[in-house]
Amino acid sequence: MIAFEVNDMSCGHCVGAITEALKAVDRDARVEIDLAQHRVQVESGSAGAEQLAEAIRGAGYSPVPVAPAAGPAAAGGGSCCGCRR
């Protein structure tokens, strides 16, 4: 998973524009966008981080590479809330 912080993403239109730009690079990419956290995560089988970042820049936004967000298993013991049940 490749992740970016995109602080100049502020609305649903931004989400759509970024998703469209990323899908143009890899139509099979799995794109997850958290607008509130300004985070874009992409799982791509054919595009690398720089190619994806360039697509986001081409759509008019400023991506900053970040470590991907941890999933439930990484939060601690496989629990969704990290309580280690």
Protein backbone atom coordinates (compact mmCIF):
# COMPACT_ATOMS: atom_id res chain seq x y z
CA MET A 1 0.00 0.00 0.00
CA ILE A 2 1.35 3.42 -0.98
CA ALA A 3 0.11 6.37 1.07
CA PHE A 4 0.14 10.13 0.68
CA GLU A 5 -0.96 13.08 2.76
CA VAL A 6 -2.76 15.55 0.52
CA ASN A 7 -3.51 18.62 2.64
CA ASP A 8 -4.96 20.64 -0.24
CA MET A 9 -7.73 18.04 -0.74
CA SER A 10 -10.84 19.57 0.83
CA CYS A 11 -14.07 18.23 -0.67
CA GLY A 12 -15.79 15.46 -2.59
CA HIS A 13 -14.74 17.01 -5.89
CA CYS A 14 -11.10 16.69 -4.78
CA VAL A 15 -11.65 13.04 -3.88
CA GLY A 16 -13.16 12.37 -7.30
CA ALA A 17 -10.41 14.19 -9.17
CA ILE A 18 -7.65 12.33 -7.31
CA THR A 19 -9.38 8.97 -7.74
CA GLU A 20 -9.82 9.59 -11.46
CA ALA A 21 -6.16 10.61 -11.85
CA LEU A 22 -4.96 7.50 -10.03
CA LYS A 23 -7.27 5.20 -12.01
CA ALA A 24 -5.89 6.70 -15.22
CA VAL A 25 -2.45 5.41 -14.19
CA ASP A 26 -3.72 2.01 -13.01
CA ARG A 27 -7.39 1.26 -13.66
CA ASP A 28 -7.24 -1.76 -11.34
CA ALA A 29 -5.73 0.16 -8.43
CA ARG A 30 -7.55 0.06 -5.11
CA VAL A 31 -7.88 3.66 -3.96
CA GLU A 32 -8.89 4.57 -0.39
CA ILE A 33 -9.31 8.23 0.51
CA ASP A 34 -9.94 9.62 3.99
CA LEU A 35 -10.95 13.23 3.37
CA ALA A 36 -10.99 14.18 7.06
CA GLN A 37 -7.42 12.94 7.53
CA HIS A 38 -6.27 14.17 4.09
CA ARG A 39 -4.93 10.68 3.41
CA VAL A 40 -4.83 8.83 0.10
CA GLN A 41 -3.86 5.16 0.05
CA VAL A 42 -3.33 3.21 -3.13
CA GLU A 43 -2.73 -0.45 -3.78
CA SER A 44 -1.40 -0.72 -7.30
CA GLY A 45 -0.04 -3.70 -9.14
CA SER A 46 1.55 -1.71 -11.93
CA ALA A 47 2.41 1.81 -10.72
CA GLY A 48 5.07 2.91 -8.28
CA ALA A 49 4.93 5.65 -5.66
CA GLU A 50 6.47 8.33 -7.88
CA GLN A 51 4.12 7.56 -10.76
CA LEU A 52 1.12 7.76 -8.42
CA ALA A 53 2.40 10.99 -6.85
CA GLU A 54 2.84 12.48 -10.32
CA ALA A 55 -0.77 11.58 -11.17
CA ILE A 56 -1.97 13.37 -8.02
CA ARG A 57 0.21 16.41 -8.85
CA GLY A 58 -1.18 16.35 -12.40
CA ALA A 59 -4.68 16.63 -10.94
CA GLY A 60 -3.58 19.82 -9.16
CA TYR A 61 -2.77 18.54 -5.66
CA SER A 62 0.35 18.28 -3.50
CA PRO A 63 0.97 14.71 -2.30
CA VAL A 64 3.45 14.03 0.50
CA PRO A 65 4.52 10.39 0.91
CA VAL A 66 3.70 8.87 4.33
CA ALA A 67 3.72 5.44 5.94
CA PRO A 68 0.48 3.57 5.26
CA ALA A 69 -2.11 3.57 8.05
CA ALA A 70 -2.13 0.48 10.21
CA GLY A 71 -5.01 -1.92 9.79
CA PRO A 72 -6.89 -3.63 12.62
CA ALA A 73 -4.34 -6.43 12.97
CA ALA A 74 -1.52 -3.91 13.35
CA ALA A 75 -3.44 -1.92 15.97
CA GLY A 76 -2.70 -4.58 18.55
CA GLY A 77 -3.56 -8.21 18.83
CA GLY A 78 -5.93 -8.31 15.87
CA SER A 79 -8.68 -6.33 17.57
CA CYS A 80 -10.22 -3.42 15.71
CA CYS A 81 -9.81 -1.11 18.70
CA GLY A 82 -6.40 -2.31 19.91
CA CYS A 83 -7.65 -3.71 23.24
CA ARG A 84 -5.69 -6.96 22.69
CA ARG A 85 -8.66 -9.26 23.24
